[in-house]
C-alpha atoms as a PDB file:
ATOM      1  CA  UNK A   1       0.000   0.000   0.000  1.00  0.00           C
ATOM      2  CA  UNK A   2       1.183   3.511  -0.736  1.00  0.00           C
ATOM      3  CA  UNK A   3       1.582   6.143   1.963  1.00  0.00           C
ATOM      4  CA  UNK A   4      -1.455   7.970   0.580  1.00  0.00           C
ATOM      5  CA  UNK A   5      -3.595   4.834   0.768  1.00  0.00           C
ATOM      6  CA  UNK A   6      -2.440   4.119   4.322  1.00  0.00           C
ATOM      7  CA  UNK A   7      -3.235   7.674   5.393  1.00  0.00           C
ATOM      8  CA  UNK A   8      -6.651   7.627   3.782  1.00  0.00           C
ATOM      9  CA  UNK A   9      -7.518   4.341   5.460  1.00  0.00           C
ATOM     10  CA  UNK A  10      -6.371   5.605   8.861  1.00  0.00           C
ATOM     11  CA  UNK A  11      -8.186   8.915   8.456  1.00  0.00           C
ATOM     12  CA  UNK A  12     -11.483   7.133   7.835  1.00  0.00           C
ATOM     13  CA  UNK A  13     -11.448   5.912  11.439  1.00  0.00           C
ATOM     14  CA  UNK A  14     -10.561   9.162  13.185  1.00  0.00           C
ATOM     15  CA  UNK A  15     -12.909  11.538  14.994  1.00  0.00           C
ATOM     16  CA  UNK A  16     -13.427  15.084  13.700  1.00  0.00           C
ATOM     17  CA  UNK A  17     -11.052  16.783  16.196  1.00  0.00           C
ATOM     18  CA  UNK A  18      -8.200  14.528  15.081  1.00  0.00           C
ATOM     19  CA  UNK A  19      -8.988  15.239  11.435  1.00  0.00           C
ATOM     20  CA  UNK A  20      -8.817  18.979  12.098  1.00  0.00           C
ATOM     21  CA  UNK A  21      -5.433  18.608  13.808  1.00  0.00           C
ATOM     22  CA  UNK A  22      -4.108  16.597  10.869  1.00  0.00           C
ATOM     23  CA  UNK A  23      -5.369  19.214   8.431  1.00  0.00           C
ATOM     24  CA  UNK A  24      -3.761  22.045  10.413  1.00  0.00           C
ATOM     25  CA  UNK A  25      -0.486  20.141  10.551  1.00  0.00           C
ATOM     26  CA  UNK A  26      -0.520  19.504   6.794  1.00  0.00           C
ATOM     27  CA  UNK A  27      -1.109  23.203   6.127  1.00  0.00           C
ATOM     28  CA  UNK A  28       1.746  24.062   8.501  1.00  0.00           C
ATOM     29  CA  UNK A  29       4.092  21.719   6.634  1.00  0.00           C
ATOM     30  CA  UNK A  30       3.045  23.229   3.292  1.00  0.00           C
ATOM     31  CA  UNK A  31       3.773  26.764   4.543  1.00  0.00           C
ATOM     32  CA  UNK A  32       7.093  25.679   6.023  1.00  0.00           C
ATOM     33  CA  UNK A  33       8.196  24.061   2.757  1.00  0.00           C
ATOM     34  CA  UNK A  34       7.169  27.123   0.766  1.00  0.00           C
ATOM     35  CA  UNK A  35       9.233  29.341   3.058  1.00  0.00           C
ATOM     36  CA  UNK A  36      12.230  27.006   2.812  1.00  0.00           C
ATOM     37  CA  UNK A  37      12.076  27.109  -0.988  1.00  0.00           C
ATOM     38  CA  UNK A  38      12.466  30.887  -0.895  1.00  0.00           C
ATOM     39  CA  UNK A  39      14.936  31.023   2.014  1.00  0.00           C
ATOM     40  CA  UNK A  40      17.971  31.233  -0.264  1.00  0.00           C
ATOM     41  CA  UNK A  41      16.366  33.994  -2.363  1.00  0.00           C
ATOM     42  CA  UNK A  42      14.710  36.227   0.201  1.00  0.00           C
ATOM     43  CA  UNK A  43      16.788  38.437   2.509  1.00  0.00           C
ATOM     44  CA  UNK A  44      17.134  37.461   6.127  1.00  0.00           C
ATOM     45  CA  UNK A  45      14.979  39.325   8.637  1.00  0.00           C
ATOM     46  CA  UNK A  46      18.044  41.132   9.951  1.00  0.00           C
ATOM     47  CA  UNK A  47      18.830  42.473   6.490  1.00  0.00           C
ATOM     48  CA  UNK A  48      15.230  43.512   5.982  1.00  0.00           C
ATOM     49  CA  UNK A  49      15.188  45.275   9.353  1.00  0.00           C
ATOM     50  CA  UNK A  50      18.403  47.133   8.484  1.00  0.00           C
ATOM     51  CA  UNK A  51      16.778  48.322   5.266  1.00  0.00           C
ATOM     52  CA  UNK A  52      13.706  49.517   7.173  1.00  0.00           C
ATOM     53  CA  UNK A  53      15.912  51.296   9.706  1.00  0.00           C
ATOM     54  CA  UNK A  54      17.706  53.134   6.905  1.00  0.00           C
ATOM     55  CA  UNK A  55      14.403  54.161   5.346  1.00  0.00           C
ATOM     56  CA  UNK A  56      13.133  55.323   8.749  1.00  0.00           C
ATOM     57  CA  UNK A  57      16.288  57.383   9.280  1.00  0.00           C
ATOM     58  CA  UNK A  58      17.474  55.451  12.306  1.00  0.00           C
END
């Protein structure tokens, strides 16, 4: 059985609160992966803050 088939079979037997937790976790993983894909392209928060400080005249 594939991982997808195993998950679907297991999900069928879970109560609604568990299903919601699984859904939230999947969305979290998706967001985390999307951020990691752009991590090497986007500036670090420190660099961004320095840019904002310069613009603010600090």
